[in-house]
Amino acid sequence: MTFFRSEEHLRSWAQFKPDTQEGIFPLPDLLKLFSGQMFRRRLGPDYFSHMREYGMEWITTMQEIGKTGPFWSLKKA
């Protein structure tokens, strides 16, 4: 994960690949995603028994912030 001060700064980066632009996250979206239960409950004794609900929350948040395109799909090996 690489952080840039602006989207313009990112796009002028020598290693920027236009086909990965869907992976650009504004900071408020990152904060929303990483403040979910999956990250806040990591040290809980019952963390793994709740992974399904945490995963569903993760997916819902990704949809809310508009990260649903092909870039985010799991690739078949």
PDB file of N, CA and C in Angstrom:
ATOM      1  N   MET A   1       0.858  -1.163   0.000  1.00  0.00           N
ATOM      2  CA  MET A   1       0.000   0.000   0.000  1.00  0.00           C
ATOM      3  C   MET A   1       0.907   1.229   0.000  1.00  0.00           C
ATOM      4  N   THR A   2       0.655   2.126  -0.910  1.00  0.00           N
ATOM      5  CA  THR A   2       1.422   3.354  -1.019  1.00  0.00           C
ATOM      6  C   THR A   2       0.474   4.531  -0.848  1.00  0.00           C
ATOM      7  N   PHE A   3       0.890   5.508  -0.052  1.00  0.00           N
ATOM      8  CA  PHE A   3       0.055   6.686   0.178  1.00  0.00           C
ATOM      9  C   PHE A   3       0.626   7.889  -0.568  1.00  0.00           C
ATOM     10  N   PHE A   4      -0.278   8.699  -1.104  1.00  0.00           N
ATOM     11  CA  PHE A   4       0.096   9.918  -1.811  1.00  0.00           C
ATOM     12  C   PHE A   4      -0.700  11.074  -1.227  1.00  0.00           C
ATOM     13  N   ARG A   5      -0.170  12.268  -1.356  1.00  0.00           N
ATOM     14  CA  ARG A   5      -0.861  13.418  -0.776  1.00  0.00           C
ATOM     15  C   ARG A   5      -2.070  13.852  -1.588  1.00  0.00           C
ATOM     16  N   SER A   6      -2.128  13.438  -2.861  1.00  0.00           N
ATOM     17  CA  SER A   6      -3.274  13.788  -3.694  1.00  0.00           C
ATOM     18  C   SER A   6      -3.380  12.801  -4.849  1.00  0.00           C
ATOM     19  N   GLU A   7      -4.549  12.767  -5.456  1.00  0.00           N
ATOM     20  CA  GLU A   7      -4.739  11.904  -6.621  1.00  0.00           C
ATOM     21  C   GLU A   7      -3.854  12.371  -7.777  1.00  0.00           C
ATOM     22  N   GLU A   8      -3.672  13.672  -7.903  1.00  0.00           N
ATOM     23  CA  GLU A   8      -2.799  14.226  -8.947  1.00  0.00           C
ATOM     24  C   GLU A   8      -1.361  13.737  -8.750  1.00  0.00           C
ATOM     25  N   HIS A   9      -0.900  13.744  -7.503  1.00  0.00           N
ATOM     26  CA  HIS A   9       0.440  13.260  -7.174  1.00  0.00           C
ATOM     27  C   HIS A   9       0.568  11.782  -7.544  1.00  0.00           C
ATOM     28  N   LEU A  10      -0.453  11.008  -7.255  1.00  0.00           N
ATOM     29  CA  LEU A  10      -0.461   9.584  -7.599  1.00  0.00           C
ATOM     30  C   LEU A  10      -0.368   9.381  -9.110  1.00  0.00           C
ATOM     31  N   ARG A  11      -1.175  10.110  -9.854  1.00  0.00           N
ATOM     32  CA  ARG A  11      -1.208   9.929 -11.313  1.00  0.00           C
ATOM     33  C   ARG A  11       0.107  10.351 -11.989  1.00  0.00           C
ATOM     34  N   SER A  12       0.870  11.226 -11.360  1.00  0.00           N
ATOM     35  CA  SER A  12       2.151  11.628 -11.946  1.00  0.00           C
ATOM     36  C   SER A  12       3.304  10.732 -11.489  1.00  0.00           C
ATOM     37  N   TRP A  13       3.019   9.777 -10.627  1.00  0.00           N
ATOM     38  CA  TRP A  13       4.015   8.820 -10.150  1.00  0.00           C
ATOM     39  C   TRP A  13       4.488   7.954 -11.316  1.00  0.00           C
ATOM     40  N   ALA A  14       5.781   7.728 -11.439  1.00  0.00           N
ATOM     41  CA  ALA A  14       6.346   6.980 -12.569  1.00  0.00           C
ATOM     42  C   ALA A  14       5.798   5.558 -12.678  1.00  0.00           C
ATOM     43  N   GLN A  15       5.430   4.944 -11.558  1.00  0.00           N
ATOM     44  CA  GLN A  15       4.949   3.561 -11.585  1.00  0.00           C
ATOM     45  C   GLN A  15       3.424   3.448 -11.638  1.00  0.00           C
ATOM     46  N   PHE A  16       2.731   4.563 -11.838  1.00  0.00           N
ATOM     47  CA  PHE A  16       1.267   4.530 -11.897  1.00  0.00           C
ATOM     48  C   PHE A  16       0.802   3.751 -13.119  1.00  0.00           C
ATOM     49  N   LYS A  17      -0.155   2.857 -12.897  1.00  0.00           N
ATOM     50  CA  LYS A  17      -0.742   2.068 -13.985  1.00  0.00           C
ATOM     51  C   LYS A  17      -2.218   2.435 -14.080  1.00  0.00           C
ATOM     52  N   PRO A  18      -2.659   3.011 -15.201  1.00  0.00           N
ATOM     53  CA  PRO A  18      -4.054   3.444 -15.335  1.00  0.00           C
ATOM     54  C   PRO A  18      -5.082   2.345 -15.073  1.00  0.00           C
ATOM     55  N   ASP A  19      -4.733   1.083 -15.352  1.00  0.00           N
ATOM     56  CA  ASP A  19      -5.705   0.010 -15.132  1.00  0.00           C
ATOM     57  C   ASP A  19      -5.902  -0.315 -13.649  1.00  0.00           C
ATOM     58  N   THR A  20      -5.142   0.331 -12.772  1.00  0.00           N
ATOM     59  CA  THR A  20      -5.317   0.121 -11.329  1.00  0.00           C
ATOM     60  C   THR A  20      -5.983   1.315 -10.650  1.00  0.00           C
ATOM     61  N   GLN A  21      -6.465   2.280 -11.430  1.00  0.00           N
ATOM     62  CA  GLN A  21      -7.004   3.495 -10.815  1.00  0.00           C
ATOM     63  C   GLN A  21      -8.232   3.233  -9.951  1.00  0.00           C
ATOM     64  N   GLU A  22      -8.933   2.103 -10.185  1.00  0.00           N
ATOM     65  CA  GLU A  22     -10.071   1.773  -9.327  1.00  0.00           C
ATOM     66  C   GLU A  22      -9.606   1.491  -7.894  1.00  0.00           C
ATOM     67  N   GLY A  23      -8.328   1.207  -7.728  1.00  0.00           N
ATOM     68  CA  GLY A  23      -7.774   0.939  -6.407  1.00  0.00           C
ATOM     69  C   GLY A  23      -7.432   2.194  -5.618  1.00  0.00           C
ATOM     70  N   ILE A  24      -7.681   3.362  -6.188  1.00  0.00           N
ATOM     71  CA  ILE A  24      -7.421   4.618  -5.475  1.00  0.00           C
ATOM     72  C   ILE A  24      -8.502   4.813  -4.415  1.00  0.00           C
ATOM     73  N   PHE A  25      -8.071   5.012  -3.184  1.00  0.00           N
ATOM     74  CA  PHE A  25      -8.982   5.205  -2.060  1.00  0.00           C
ATOM     75  C   PHE A  25      -8.794   6.588  -1.468  1.00  0.00           C
ATOM     76  N   PRO A  26      -9.829   7.410  -1.423  1.00  0.00           N
ATOM     77  CA  PRO A  26      -9.735   8.653  -0.650  1.00  0.00           C
ATOM     78  C   PRO A  26      -9.630   8.294   0.841  1.00  0.00           C
ATOM     79  N   LEU A  27      -8.957   9.106   1.600  1.00  0.00           N
ATOM     80  CA  LEU A  27      -8.742   8.829   3.017  1.00  0.00           C
ATOM     81  C   LEU A  27     -10.038   8.567   3.790  1.00  0.00           C
ATOM     82  N   PRO A  28     -11.110   9.338   3.588  1.00  0.00           N
ATOM     83  CA  PRO A  28     -12.350   9.045   4.329  1.00  0.00           C
ATOM     84  C   PRO A  28     -12.889   7.633   4.058  1.00  0.00           C
ATOM     85  N   ASP A  29     -12.712   7.141   2.828  1.00  0.00           N
ATOM     86  CA  ASP A  29     -13.155   5.779   2.516  1.00  0.00           C
ATOM     87  C   ASP A  29     -12.297   4.746   3.237  1.00  0.00           C
ATOM     88  N   LEU A  30     -10.990   4.982   3.304  1.00  0.00           N
ATOM     89  CA  LEU A  30     -10.114   4.066   4.043  1.00  0.00           C
ATOM     90  C   LEU A  30     -10.486   4.041   5.520  1.00  0.00           C
ATOM     91  N   LEU A  31     -10.769   5.207   6.064  1.00  0.00           N
ATOM     92  CA  LEU A  31     -11.154   5.272   7.476  1.00  0.00           C
ATOM     93  C   LEU A  31     -12.437   4.498   7.728  1.00  0.00           C
ATOM     94  N   LYS A  32     -13.390   4.628   6.830  1.00  0.00           N
ATOM     95  CA  LYS A  32     -14.652   3.898   6.978  1.00  0.00           C
ATOM     96  C   LYS A  32     -14.414   2.392   6.897  1.00  0.00           C
ATOM     97  N   LEU A  33     -13.623   1.970   5.938  1.00  0.00           N
ATOM     98  CA  LEU A  33     -13.371   0.548   5.739  1.00  0.00           C
ATOM     99  C   LEU A  33     -12.633  -0.067   6.930  1.00  0.00           C
ATOM    100  N   PHE A  34     -11.597   0.594   7.397  1.00  0.00           N
ATOM    101  CA  PHE A  34     -10.775   0.031   8.459  1.00  0.00           C
ATOM    102  C   PHE A  34     -11.294   0.315   9.864  1.00  0.00           C
ATOM    103  N   SER A  35     -12.446   0.964   9.977  1.00  0.00           N
ATOM    104  CA  SER A  35     -13.047   1.147  11.300  1.00  0.00           C
ATOM    105  C   SER A  35     -14.150   0.123  11.545  1.00  0.00           C
ATOM    106  N   GLY A  36     -14.301  -0.825  10.641  1.00  0.00           N
ATOM    107  CA  GLY A  36     -15.317  -1.871  10.789  1.00  0.00           C
ATOM    108  C   GLY A  36     -14.945  -2.901  11.845  1.00  0.00           C
ATOM    109  N   GLN A  37     -15.887  -3.779  12.125  1.00  0.00           N
ATOM    110  CA  GLN A  37     -15.706  -4.807  13.150  1.00  0.00           C
ATOM    111  C   GLN A  37     -14.522  -5.731  12.851  1.00  0.00           C
ATOM    112  N   MET A  38     -14.263  -5.992  11.583  1.00  0.00           N
ATOM    113  CA  MET A  38     -13.169  -6.891  11.220  1.00  0.00           C
ATOM    114  C   MET A  38     -11.842  -6.412  11.799  1.00  0.00           C
ATOM    115  N   PHE A  39     -11.686  -5.112  11.920  1.00  0.00           N
ATOM    116  CA  PHE A  39     -10.434  -4.563  12.433  1.00  0.00           C
ATOM    117  C   PHE A  39     -10.524  -4.187  13.909  1.00  0.00           C
ATOM    118  N   ARG A  40     -11.680  -3.766  14.357  1.00  0.00           N
ATOM    119  CA  ARG A  40     -11.819  -3.360  15.753  1.00  0.00           C
ATOM    120  C   ARG A  40     -11.879  -4.545  16.709  1.00  0.00           C
ATOM    121  N   ARG A  41     -12.277  -5.691  16.226  1.00  0.00           N
ATOM    122  CA  ARG A  41     -12.463  -6.861  17.097  1.00  0.00           C
ATOM    123  C   ARG A  41     -11.368  -7.911  16.954  1.00  0.00           C
ATOM    124  N   ARG A  42     -10.279  -7.590  16.336  1.00  0.00           N
ATOM    125  CA  ARG A  42      -9.230  -8.580  16.053  1.00  0.00           C
ATOM    126  C   ARG A  42      -8.700  -9.296  17.284  1.00  0.00           C
ATOM    127  N   LEU A  43      -8.667  -8.664  18.401  1.00  0.00           N
ATOM    128  CA  LEU A  43      -8.126  -9.297  19.602  1.00  0.00           C
ATOM    129  C   LEU A  43      -9.193  -9.986  20.446  1.00  0.00           C
ATOM    130  N   GLY A  44     -10.425  -9.982  19.978  1.00  0.00           N
ATOM    131  CA  GLY A  44     -11.504 -10.630  20.721  1.00  0.00           C
ATOM    132  C   GLY A  44     -11.353 -12.146  20.731  1.00  0.00           C
ATOM    133  N   PRO A  45     -11.697 -12.788  21.841  1.00  0.00           N
ATOM    134  CA  PRO A  45     -11.561 -14.245  21.931  1.00  0.00           C
ATOM    135  C   PRO A  45     -12.474 -14.995  20.959  1.00  0.00           C
ATOM    136  N   ASP A  46     -13.535 -14.346  20.500  1.00  0.00           N
ATOM    137  CA  ASP A  46     -14.470 -15.004  19.584  1.00  0.00           C
ATOM    138  C   ASP A  46     -14.374 -14.437  18.158  1.00  0.00           C
ATOM    139  N   TYR A  47     -13.241 -13.842  17.837  1.00  0.00           N
ATOM    140  CA  TYR A  47     -13.051 -13.190  16.533  1.00  0.00           C
ATOM    141  C   TYR A  47     -13.367 -14.129  15.371  1.00  0.00           C
ATOM    142  N   PHE A  48     -12.791 -15.308  15.381  1.00  0.00           N
ATOM    143  CA  PHE A  48     -12.971 -16.214  14.241  1.00  0.00           C
ATOM    144  C   PHE A  48     -14.388 -16.749  14.126  1.00  0.00           C
ATOM    145  N   SER A  49     -15.086 -16.841  15.232  1.00  0.00           N
ATOM    146  CA  SER A  49     -16.468 -17.321  15.147  1.00  0.00           C
ATOM    147  C   SER A  49     -17.394 -16.266  14.539  1.00  0.00           C
ATOM    148  N   HIS A  50     -16.918 -15.038  14.422  1.00  0.00           N
ATOM    149  CA  HIS A  50     -17.713 -13.956  13.835  1.00  0.00           C
ATOM    150  C   HIS A  50     -17.203 -13.517  12.459  1.00  0.00           C
ATOM    151  N   MET A  51     -16.249 -14.246  11.908  1.00  0.00           N
ATOM    152  CA  MET A  51     -15.654 -13.835  10.633  1.00  0.00           C
ATOM    153  C   MET A  51     -16.676 -13.696   9.509  1.00  0.00           C
ATOM    154  N   ARG A  52     -17.683 -14.540   9.492  1.00  0.00           N
ATOM    155  CA  ARG A  52     -18.691 -14.443   8.428  1.00  0.00           C
ATOM    156  C   ARG A  52     -19.404 -13.091   8.479  1.00  0.00           C
ATOM    157  N   GLU A  53     -19.838 -12.680   9.674  1.00  0.00           N
ATOM    158  CA  GLU A  53     -20.536 -11.390   9.772  1.00  0.00           C
ATOM    159  C   GLU A  53     -19.578 -10.228   9.518  1.00  0.00           C
ATOM    160  N   TYR A  54     -18.325 -10.352   9.960  1.00  0.00           N
ATOM    161  CA  TYR A  54     -17.349  -9.293   9.694  1.00  0.00           C
ATOM    162  C   TYR A  54     -17.086  -9.185   8.194  1.00  0.00           C
ATOM    163  N   GLY A  55     -17.007 -10.328   7.536  1.00  0.00           N
ATOM    164  CA  GLY A  55     -16.804 -10.341   6.085  1.00  0.00           C
ATOM    165  C   GLY A  55     -17.965  -9.700   5.347  1.00  0.00           C
ATOM    166  N   MET A  56     -19.180  -9.979   5.804  1.00  0.00           N
ATOM    167  CA  MET A  56     -20.364  -9.373   5.177  1.00  0.00           C
ATOM    168  C   MET A  56     -20.364  -7.856   5.378  1.00  0.00           C
ATOM    169  N   GLU A  57     -19.957  -7.418   6.565  1.00  0.00           N
ATOM    170  CA  GLU A  57     -19.859  -5.979   6.819  1.00  0.00           C
ATOM    171  C   GLU A  57     -18.814  -5.351   5.889  1.00  0.00           C
ATOM    172  N   TRP A  58     -17.693  -6.038   5.704  1.00  0.00           N
ATOM    173  CA  TRP A  58     -16.624  -5.574   4.807  1.00  0.00           C
ATOM    174  C   TRP A  58     -17.164  -5.402   3.387  1.00  0.00           C
ATOM    175  N   ILE A  59     -17.884  -6.409   2.907  1.00  0.00           N
ATOM    176  CA  ILE A  59     -18.446  -6.370   1.553  1.00  0.00           C
ATOM    177  C   ILE A  59     -19.445  -5.224   1.415  1.00  0.00           C
ATOM    178  N   THR A  60     -20.293  -5.053   2.412  1.00  0.00           N
ATOM    179  CA  THR A  60     -21.278  -3.968   2.396  1.00  0.00           C
ATOM    180  C   THR A  60     -20.581  -2.609   2.348  1.00  0.00           C
ATOM    181  N   THR A  61     -19.543  -2.450   3.143  1.00  0.00           N
ATOM    182  CA  THR A  61     -18.801  -1.184   3.156  1.00  0.00           C
ATOM    183  C   THR A  61     -18.135  -0.940   1.805  1.00  0.00           C
ATOM    184  N   MET A  62     -17.559  -1.978   1.219  1.00  0.00           N
ATOM    185  CA  MET A  62     -16.947  -1.833  -0.108  1.00  0.00           C
ATOM    186  C   MET A  62     -17.993  -1.376  -1.125  1.00  0.00           C
ATOM    187  N   GLN A  63     -19.200  -1.911  -1.032  1.00  0.00           N
ATOM    188  CA  GLN A  63     -20.273  -1.498  -1.938  1.00  0.00           C
ATOM    189  C   GLN A  63     -20.665  -0.048  -1.685  1.00  0.00           C
ATOM    190  N   GLU A  64     -20.761   0.335  -0.413  1.00  0.00           N
ATOM    191  CA  GLU A  64     -21.143   1.707  -0.060  1.00  0.00           C
ATOM    192  C   GLU A  64     -20.146   2.735  -0.589  1.00  0.00           C
ATOM    193  N   ILE A  65     -18.867   2.383  -0.598  1.00  0.00           N
ATOM    194  CA  ILE A  65     -17.863   3.343  -1.066  1.00  0.00           C
ATOM    195  C   ILE A  65     -17.551   3.169  -2.555  1.00  0.00           C
ATOM    196  N   GLY A  66     -18.305   2.291  -3.214  1.00  0.00           N
ATOM    197  CA  GLY A  66     -18.211   2.161  -4.667  1.00  0.00           C
ATOM    198  C   GLY A  66     -17.069   1.304  -5.180  1.00  0.00           C
ATOM    199  N   LYS A  67     -16.551   0.416  -4.354  1.00  0.00           N
ATOM    200  CA  LYS A  67     -15.447  -0.457  -4.769  1.00  0.00           C
ATOM    201  C   LYS A  67     -15.993  -1.839  -5.102  1.00  0.00           C
ATOM    202  N   THR A  68     -16.634  -1.953  -6.282  1.00  0.00           N
ATOM    203  CA  THR A  68     -17.278  -3.210  -6.660  1.00  0.00           C
ATOM    204  C   THR A  68     -16.892  -3.685  -8.056  1.00  0.00           C
ATOM    205  N   GLY A  69     -16.045  -2.953  -8.741  1.00  0.00           N
ATOM    206  CA  GLY A  69     -15.703  -3.293 -10.122  1.00  0.00           C
ATOM    207  C   GLY A  69     -14.750  -4.466 -10.248  1.00  0.00           C
ATOM    208  N   PRO A  70     -14.335  -4.758 -11.464  1.00  0.00           N
ATOM    209  CA  PRO A  70     -13.472  -5.905 -11.738  1.00  0.00           C
ATOM    210  C   PRO A  70     -12.138  -5.878 -10.987  1.00  0.00           C
ATOM    211  N   PHE A  71     -11.624  -4.707 -10.689  1.00  0.00           N
ATOM    212  CA  PHE A  71     -10.361  -4.603  -9.952  1.00  0.00           C
ATOM    213  C   PHE A  71     -10.457  -5.312  -8.607  1.00  0.00           C
ATOM    214  N   TRP A  72     -11.635  -5.317  -8.005  1.00  0.00           N
ATOM    215  CA  TRP A  72     -11.834  -5.880  -6.669  1.00  0.00           C
ATOM    216  C   TRP A  72     -12.307  -7.325  -6.688  1.00  0.00           C
ATOM    217  N   SER A  73     -12.517  -7.893  -7.848  1.00  0.00           N
ATOM    218  CA  SER A  73     -12.951  -9.290  -7.944  1.00  0.00           C
ATOM    219  C   SER A  73     -11.774 -10.223  -7.687  1.00  0.00           C
ATOM    220  N   LEU A  74     -12.063 -11.350  -7.054  1.00  0.00           N
ATOM    221  CA  LEU A  74     -11.020 -12.349  -6.850  1.00  0.00           C
ATOM    222  C   LEU A  74     -10.671 -12.976  -8.192  1.00  0.00           C
ATOM    223  N   LYS A  75      -9.400 -13.077  -8.442  1.00  0.00           N
ATOM    224  CA  LYS A  75      -8.933 -13.665  -9.698  1.00  0.00           C
ATOM    225  C   LYS A  75      -8.821 -15.178  -9.527  1.00  0.00           C
ATOM    226  N   LYS A  76      -9.264 -15.916 -10.533  1.00  0.00           N
ATOM    227  CA  LYS A  76      -9.116 -17.374 -10.499  1.00  0.00           C
ATOM    228  C   LYS A  76      -7.678 -17.723 -10.851  1.00  0.00           C
ATOM    229  N   ALA A  77      -7.126 -18.636 -10.087  1.00  0.00           N
ATOM    230  CA  ALA A  77      -5.719 -19.038 -10.298  1.00  0.00           C
ATOM    231  C   ALA A  77      -5.558 -19.929 -11.504  1.00  0.00           C
TER     232      ALA A  77
END
